Amino acid sequence: MEYKWLQSFIVAAQTCNFRTAAQQLHLSQPSITVHIQQLEEFLHVQLFKRERNRVQLTEAGKLFQIEAQQMVLQWEQSIERIRLVSKGIHEKVIIAMTPLMVETILPHVLYQFINDPPCIGNFDFSGGFS
């Protein structure tokens, strides 16, 4: 199974239109069709019902859409981790805040983190810093 097959399938499943999927991925419509056919042959299952110029996901296609999205997400996360480690970054901290908190609290959080980087556990996210 190839990554480009998964990409083509995911966009085609979201749009239910191979031409639109091709436009979004900057490919030709025949390329999308071939990717879907190759994926169906690899999986030994029909992913789309084809009727005239319309396509719809089969039940197997609906299930595989969820699986394919998870595979692509895992693929992208793995690549990001490898790139970060190659730069000497072993952990990534994600902070979610409202715009108001970004202006008021984030500078303090960053200052604390910069001054005490080895132990992330020093932060008390329930209301203050320890």
N, C-alpha and C. Protein backbone atom coordinates (compact mmCIF):
# COMPACT_ATOMS: atom_id res chain seq x y z
N MET A 1 0.85 -1.17 0.00
CA MET A 1 0.00 0.00 0.00
C MET A 1 0.90 1.24 0.00
N GLU A 2 0.55 2.20 -0.84
CA GLU A 2 1.37 3.39 -0.96
C GLU A 2 0.67 4.59 -0.33
N TYR A 3 1.49 5.50 0.18
CA TYR A 3 0.98 6.71 0.84
C TYR A 3 0.10 7.53 -0.10
N LYS A 4 0.50 7.65 -1.36
CA LYS A 4 -0.29 8.45 -2.31
C LYS A 4 -1.66 7.82 -2.56
N TRP A 5 -1.76 6.51 -2.46
CA TRP A 5 -3.06 5.86 -2.59
C TRP A 5 -3.98 6.31 -1.45
N LEU A 6 -3.41 6.34 -0.24
CA LEU A 6 -4.19 6.75 0.93
C LEU A 6 -4.64 8.21 0.81
N GLN A 7 -3.71 9.07 0.38
CA GLN A 7 -4.07 10.48 0.20
C GLN A 7 -5.20 10.62 -0.81
N SER A 8 -5.08 9.96 -1.93
CA SER A 8 -6.11 10.03 -2.97
C SER A 8 -7.44 9.51 -2.45
N PHE A 9 -7.39 8.40 -1.74
CA PHE A 9 -8.62 7.82 -1.20
C PHE A 9 -9.29 8.77 -0.21
N ILE A 10 -8.52 9.33 0.71
CA ILE A 10 -9.10 10.19 1.74
C ILE A 10 -9.80 11.40 1.12
N VAL A 11 -9.15 12.06 0.18
CA VAL A 11 -9.76 13.24 -0.45
C VAL A 11 -10.96 12.82 -1.30
N ALA A 12 -10.85 11.72 -2.02
CA ALA A 12 -11.97 11.25 -2.82
C ALA A 12 -13.15 10.84 -1.93
N ALA A 13 -12.86 10.25 -0.79
CA ALA A 13 -13.92 9.85 0.14
C ALA A 13 -14.61 11.08 0.74
N GLN A 14 -13.83 12.12 1.02
CA GLN A 14 -14.41 13.34 1.59
C GLN A 14 -15.28 14.08 0.57
N THR A 15 -14.85 14.09 -0.67
CA THR A 15 -15.56 14.85 -1.70
C THR A 15 -16.58 14.02 -2.48
N CYS A 16 -16.42 12.70 -2.46
CA CYS A 16 -17.23 11.79 -3.28
C CYS A 16 -17.18 12.22 -4.74
N ASN A 17 -16.00 12.67 -5.16
CA ASN A 17 -15.83 13.13 -6.53
C ASN A 17 -14.34 13.02 -6.89
N PHE A 18 -14.03 12.15 -7.85
CA PHE A 18 -12.63 11.93 -8.22
C PHE A 18 -12.02 13.16 -8.90
N ARG A 19 -12.82 13.90 -9.65
CA ARG A 19 -12.32 15.09 -10.33
C ARG A 19 -11.94 16.17 -9.32
N THR A 20 -12.81 16.38 -8.34
CA THR A 20 -12.53 17.37 -7.29
C THR A 20 -11.32 16.94 -6.47
N ALA A 21 -11.22 15.66 -6.18
CA ALA A 21 -10.06 15.14 -5.45
C ALA A 21 -8.78 15.40 -6.23
N ALA A 22 -8.84 15.18 -7.53
CA ALA A 22 -7.67 15.41 -8.38
C ALA A 22 -7.26 16.87 -8.34
N GLN A 23 -8.23 17.76 -8.41
CA GLN A 23 -7.92 19.20 -8.35
C GLN A 23 -7.27 19.57 -7.02
N GLN A 24 -7.80 19.05 -5.92
CA GLN A 24 -7.27 19.38 -4.60
C GLN A 24 -5.85 18.84 -4.41
N LEU A 25 -5.56 17.70 -5.02
CA LEU A 25 -4.24 17.07 -4.87
C LEU A 25 -3.29 17.44 -6.00
N HIS A 26 -3.76 18.27 -6.93
CA HIS A 26 -2.94 18.68 -8.09
C HIS A 26 -2.47 17.46 -8.90
N LEU A 27 -3.42 16.57 -9.13
CA LEU A 27 -3.18 15.37 -9.95
C LEU A 27 -4.24 15.34 -11.05
N SER A 28 -4.08 14.40 -11.96
CA SER A 28 -5.12 14.21 -12.98
C SER A 28 -6.19 13.28 -12.42
N GLN A 29 -7.39 13.41 -12.97
CA GLN A 29 -8.47 12.52 -12.52
C GLN A 29 -8.15 11.05 -12.80
N PRO A 30 -7.53 10.72 -13.95
CA PRO A 30 -7.17 9.31 -14.16
C PRO A 30 -6.17 8.79 -13.11
N SER A 31 -5.30 9.67 -12.60
CA SER A 31 -4.37 9.25 -11.54
C SER A 31 -5.12 8.86 -10.28
N ILE A 32 -6.13 9.66 -9.92
CA ILE A 32 -6.93 9.34 -8.73
C ILE A 32 -7.64 8.01 -8.94
N THR A 33 -8.21 7.82 -10.11
CA THR A 33 -8.90 6.57 -10.42
C THR A 33 -7.96 5.38 -10.29
N VAL A 34 -6.76 5.51 -10.83
CA VAL A 34 -5.78 4.42 -10.76
C VAL A 34 -5.39 4.16 -9.30
N HIS A 35 -5.16 5.22 -8.51
CA HIS A 35 -4.81 5.03 -7.10
C HIS A 35 -5.90 4.27 -6.36
N ILE A 36 -7.15 4.64 -6.60
CA ILE A 36 -8.28 3.98 -5.93
C ILE A 36 -8.36 2.52 -6.37
N GLN A 37 -8.19 2.27 -7.67
CA GLN A 37 -8.23 0.89 -8.16
C GLN A 37 -7.10 0.06 -7.56
N GLN A 38 -5.90 0.63 -7.48
CA GLN A 38 -4.77 -0.09 -6.89
C GLN A 38 -5.02 -0.39 -5.42
N LEU A 39 -5.59 0.57 -4.72
CA LEU A 39 -5.91 0.37 -3.30
C LEU A 39 -6.96 -0.71 -3.13
N GLU A 40 -7.99 -0.69 -3.98
CA GLU A 40 -9.03 -1.71 -3.91
C GLU A 40 -8.47 -3.10 -4.22
N GLU A 41 -7.58 -3.18 -5.19
CA GLU A 41 -6.94 -4.47 -5.51
C GLU A 41 -6.08 -4.94 -4.34
N PHE A 42 -5.35 -4.02 -3.74
CA PHE A 42 -4.49 -4.38 -2.60
C PHE A 42 -5.31 -4.89 -1.43
N LEU A 43 -6.44 -4.22 -1.17
CA LEU A 43 -7.29 -4.59 -0.02
C LEU A 43 -8.28 -5.71 -0.35
N HIS A 44 -8.44 -6.03 -1.62
CA HIS A 44 -9.42 -7.03 -2.07
C HIS A 44 -10.83 -6.66 -1.64
N VAL A 45 -11.17 -5.36 -1.79
CA VAL A 45 -12.49 -4.89 -1.40
C VAL A 45 -12.85 -3.67 -2.25
N GLN A 46 -14.13 -3.51 -2.54
CA GLN A 46 -14.59 -2.34 -3.27
C GLN A 46 -14.86 -1.22 -2.26
N LEU A 47 -14.21 -0.07 -2.46
CA LEU A 47 -14.35 1.05 -1.55
C LEU A 47 -15.41 2.05 -1.99
N PHE A 48 -15.68 2.10 -3.28
CA PHE A 48 -16.66 3.04 -3.83
C PHE A 48 -17.68 2.30 -4.68
N LYS A 49 -18.92 2.75 -4.61
CA LYS A 49 -19.97 2.34 -5.56
C LYS A 49 -19.88 3.33 -6.71
N ARG A 50 -19.76 2.83 -7.91
CA ARG A 50 -19.67 3.71 -9.08
C ARG A 50 -20.94 3.60 -9.90
N GLU A 51 -21.64 4.70 -10.01
CA GLU A 51 -22.87 4.75 -10.80
C GLU A 51 -22.80 5.97 -11.70
N ARG A 52 -22.74 5.74 -13.00
CA ARG A 52 -22.61 6.81 -14.00
C ARG A 52 -21.43 7.70 -13.63
N ASN A 53 -21.65 8.97 -13.39
CA ASN A 53 -20.56 9.89 -13.05
C ASN A 53 -20.47 10.16 -11.56
N ARG A 54 -21.13 9.35 -10.75
CA ARG A 54 -21.15 9.56 -9.30
C ARG A 54 -20.47 8.40 -8.59
N VAL A 55 -19.85 8.72 -7.46
CA VAL A 55 -19.28 7.68 -6.62
C VAL A 55 -19.77 7.89 -5.19
N GLN A 56 -19.95 6.79 -4.48
CA GLN A 56 -20.32 6.81 -3.08
C GLN A 56 -19.50 5.76 -2.36
N LEU A 57 -19.19 6.01 -1.10
CA LEU A 57 -18.46 5.02 -0.32
C LEU A 57 -19.32 3.80 -0.04
N THR A 58 -18.72 2.64 -0.13
CA THR A 58 -19.38 1.41 0.32
C THR A 58 -19.23 1.36 1.84
N GLU A 59 -19.83 0.37 2.47
CA GLU A 59 -19.66 0.21 3.92
C GLU A 59 -18.18 -0.02 4.25
N ALA A 60 -17.52 -0.83 3.43
CA ALA A 60 -16.08 -1.06 3.63
C ALA A 60 -15.31 0.24 3.43
N GLY A 61 -15.74 1.05 2.48
CA GLY A 61 -15.10 2.33 2.23
C GLY A 61 -15.25 3.28 3.40
N LYS A 62 -16.42 3.28 4.03
CA LYS A 62 -16.64 4.13 5.20
C LYS A 62 -15.73 3.72 6.35
N LEU A 63 -15.60 2.43 6.56
CA LEU A 63 -14.70 1.94 7.61
C LEU A 63 -13.25 2.27 7.27
N PHE A 64 -12.88 2.04 6.02
CA PHE A 64 -11.49 2.28 5.63
C PHE A 64 -11.15 3.77 5.66
N GLN A 65 -12.13 4.64 5.45
CA GLN A 65 -11.88 6.09 5.52
C GLN A 65 -11.33 6.45 6.91
N ILE A 66 -11.94 5.92 7.95
CA ILE A 66 -11.47 6.18 9.31
C ILE A 66 -10.07 5.61 9.51
N GLU A 67 -9.86 4.39 9.05
CA GLU A 67 -8.55 3.74 9.20
C GLU A 67 -7.47 4.50 8.42
N ALA A 68 -7.80 4.92 7.21
CA ALA A 68 -6.83 5.63 6.37
C ALA A 68 -6.44 6.96 6.99
N GLN A 69 -7.42 7.67 7.55
CA GLN A 69 -7.12 8.94 8.20
C GLN A 69 -6.19 8.73 9.39
N GLN A 70 -6.41 7.67 10.14
CA GLN A 70 -5.54 7.37 11.28
C GLN A 70 -4.13 6.99 10.81
N MET A 71 -4.04 6.23 9.72
CA MET A 71 -2.72 5.86 9.19
C MET A 71 -1.94 7.08 8.73
N VAL A 72 -2.61 7.99 8.01
CA VAL A 72 -1.94 9.19 7.52
C VAL A 72 -1.53 10.08 8.69
N LEU A 73 -2.40 10.21 9.69
CA LEU A 73 -2.06 11.00 10.87
C LEU A 73 -0.84 10.41 11.58
N GLN A 74 -0.82 9.10 11.76
CA GLN A 74 0.32 8.44 12.40
C GLN A 74 1.59 8.64 11.58
N TRP A 75 1.47 8.52 10.27
CA TRP A 75 2.60 8.71 9.35
C TRP A 75 3.19 10.12 9.54
N GLU A 76 2.30 11.13 9.52
CA GLU A 76 2.74 12.53 9.63
C GLU A 76 3.34 12.82 11.00
N GLN A 77 2.76 12.26 12.05
CA GLN A 77 3.31 12.45 13.40
C GLN A 77 4.68 11.80 13.53
N SER A 78 4.85 10.63 12.94
CA SER A 78 6.14 9.95 12.99
C SER A 78 7.21 10.75 12.27
N ILE A 79 6.87 11.28 11.12
CA ILE A 79 7.83 12.10 10.36
C ILE A 79 8.20 13.34 11.17
N GLU A 80 7.21 13.98 11.78
CA GLU A 80 7.49 15.17 12.59
C GLU A 80 8.41 14.84 13.76
N ARG A 81 8.15 13.71 14.46
CA ARG A 81 9.01 13.31 15.59
C ARG A 81 10.44 13.05 15.13
N ILE A 82 10.59 12.38 14.00
CA ILE A 82 11.92 12.08 13.49
C ILE A 82 12.66 13.36 13.14
N ARG A 83 11.97 14.30 12.51
CA ARG A 83 12.61 15.58 12.16
C ARG A 83 13.00 16.36 13.41
N LEU A 84 12.15 16.36 14.42
CA LEU A 84 12.48 17.07 15.66
C LEU A 84 13.68 16.44 16.36
N VAL A 85 13.70 15.12 16.44
CA VAL A 85 14.82 14.43 17.09
C VAL A 85 16.11 14.70 16.34
N SER A 86 16.05 14.76 15.01
CA SER A 86 17.26 15.03 14.24
C SER A 86 17.79 16.44 14.51
N LYS A 87 16.94 17.34 15.01
CA LYS A 87 17.35 18.70 15.38
C LYS A 87 17.70 18.79 16.86
N GLY A 88 17.66 17.67 17.57
CA GLY A 88 17.98 17.66 18.99
C GLY A 88 16.80 17.96 19.89
N ILE A 89 15.61 18.00 19.33
CA ILE A 89 14.40 18.26 20.11
C ILE A 89 13.74 16.91 20.38
N HIS A 90 13.64 16.57 21.68
CA HIS A 90 13.10 15.25 22.02
C HIS A 90 11.68 15.29 22.53
N GLU A 91 11.22 16.44 22.94
CA GLU A 91 9.85 16.59 23.42
C GLU A 91 9.24 17.84 22.82
N LYS A 92 7.95 17.84 22.70
CA LYS A 92 7.22 18.97 22.16
C LYS A 92 6.11 19.31 23.15
N VAL A 93 6.00 20.57 23.50
CA VAL A 93 4.96 21.00 24.42
C VAL A 93 3.95 21.81 23.63
N ILE A 94 2.69 21.45 23.77
CA ILE A 94 1.61 22.18 23.11
C ILE A 94 0.80 22.86 24.20
N ILE A 95 0.63 24.16 24.06
CA ILE A 95 -0.13 24.93 25.03
C ILE A 95 -1.35 25.52 24.32
N ALA A 96 -2.52 25.21 24.83
CA ALA A 96 -3.76 25.74 24.26
C ALA A 96 -4.30 26.82 25.19
N MET A 97 -4.53 28.01 24.63
CA MET A 97 -5.01 29.13 25.43
C MET A 97 -5.95 29.99 24.59
N THR A 98 -6.77 30.73 25.29
CA THR A 98 -7.62 31.71 24.62
C THR A 98 -6.75 32.91 24.23
N PRO A 99 -7.20 33.74 23.30
CA PRO A 99 -6.41 34.91 22.91
C PRO A 99 -6.07 35.82 24.11
N LEU A 100 -7.00 35.97 25.03
CA LEU A 100 -6.73 36.80 26.21
C LEU A 100 -5.60 36.20 27.05
N MET A 101 -5.63 34.89 27.23
CA MET A 101 -4.58 34.23 28.02
C MET A 101 -3.23 34.33 27.33
N VAL A 102 -3.22 34.33 25.99
CA VAL A 102 -1.96 34.46 25.25
C VAL A 102 -1.30 35.78 25.61
N GLU A 103 -2.10 36.82 25.73
CA GLU A 103 -1.55 38.14 26.04
C GLU A 103 -1.16 38.29 27.51
N THR A 104 -1.87 37.61 28.40
CA THR A 104 -1.65 37.83 29.82
C THR A 104 -0.83 36.75 30.51
N ILE A 105 -1.11 35.49 30.23
CA ILE A 105 -0.48 34.39 30.96
C ILE A 105 0.68 33.75 30.20
N LEU A 106 0.58 33.66 28.89
CA LEU A 106 1.61 32.96 28.12
C LEU A 106 3.03 33.49 28.36
N PRO A 107 3.24 34.81 28.41
CA PRO A 107 4.61 35.27 28.68
C PRO A 107 5.18 34.71 29.99
N HIS A 108 4.35 34.60 31.02
CA HIS A 108 4.81 34.05 32.30
C HIS A 108 5.12 32.56 32.20
N VAL A 109 4.27 31.84 31.46
CA VAL A 109 4.49 30.40 31.27
C VAL A 109 5.80 30.18 30.51
N LEU A 110 6.02 30.93 29.45
CA LEU A 110 7.26 30.78 28.68
C LEU A 110 8.48 31.15 29.50
N TYR A 111 8.39 32.22 30.28
CA TYR A 111 9.50 32.64 31.14
C TYR A 111 9.85 31.53 32.12
N GLN A 112 8.83 30.95 32.75
CA GLN A 112 9.04 29.86 33.72
C GLN A 112 9.68 28.66 33.01
N PHE A 113 9.20 28.34 31.83
CA PHE A 113 9.71 27.18 31.10
C PHE A 113 11.17 27.39 30.68
N ILE A 114 11.49 28.58 30.20
CA ILE A 114 12.85 28.88 29.77
C ILE A 114 13.82 28.82 30.95
N ASN A 115 13.39 29.30 32.11
CA ASN A 115 14.26 29.33 33.28
C ASN A 115 14.35 27.99 33.99
N ASP A 116 13.43 27.09 33.74
CA ASP A 116 13.45 25.78 34.39
C ASP A 116 13.05 24.69 33.40
N PRO A 117 13.81 24.51 32.29
CA PRO A 117 13.38 23.60 31.22
C PRO A 117 13.41 22.11 31.52
N PRO A 118 14.28 21.58 32.38
CA PRO A 118 14.36 20.12 32.48
C PRO A 118 13.11 19.43 33.01
N CYS A 119 12.33 20.12 33.81
CA CYS A 119 11.21 19.44 34.46
C CYS A 119 9.90 20.11 34.13
N ILE A 120 9.17 19.58 33.19
CA ILE A 120 7.88 20.14 32.81
C ILE A 120 6.88 19.97 33.94
N GLY A 121 7.10 18.98 34.80
CA GLY A 121 6.20 18.73 35.90
C GLY A 121 6.12 19.86 36.90
N ASN A 122 6.95 20.88 36.81
CA ASN A 122 6.90 22.02 37.71
C ASN A 122 5.70 22.92 37.47
N PHE A 123 5.04 22.75 36.37
CA PHE A 123 3.89 23.59 36.07
C PHE A 123 2.65 23.01 36.74
N ASP A 124 1.89 23.87 37.37
CA ASP A 124 0.62 23.49 37.94
C ASP A 124 -0.46 24.14 37.09
N PHE A 125 -1.05 23.38 36.17
CA PHE A 125 -1.99 23.95 35.21
C PHE A 125 -3.37 24.21 35.84
N SER A 126 -3.54 23.92 37.11
CA SER A 126 -4.84 24.16 37.74
C SER A 126 -4.98 25.60 38.23
N GLY A 127 -3.95 26.40 38.10
CA GLY A 127 -4.14 27.78 38.51
C GLY A 127 -2.88 28.53 38.81
N GLY A 128 -1.77 27.90 38.99
CA GLY A 128 -0.57 28.63 39.30
C GLY A 128 0.65 27.83 38.96
N PHE A 129 1.78 28.32 39.40
CA PHE A 129 3.05 27.64 39.15
C PHE A 129 3.64 27.20 40.47
N SER A 130 4.31 26.06 40.46
CA SER A 130 4.95 25.61 41.68
C SER A 130 6.43 25.88 41.64
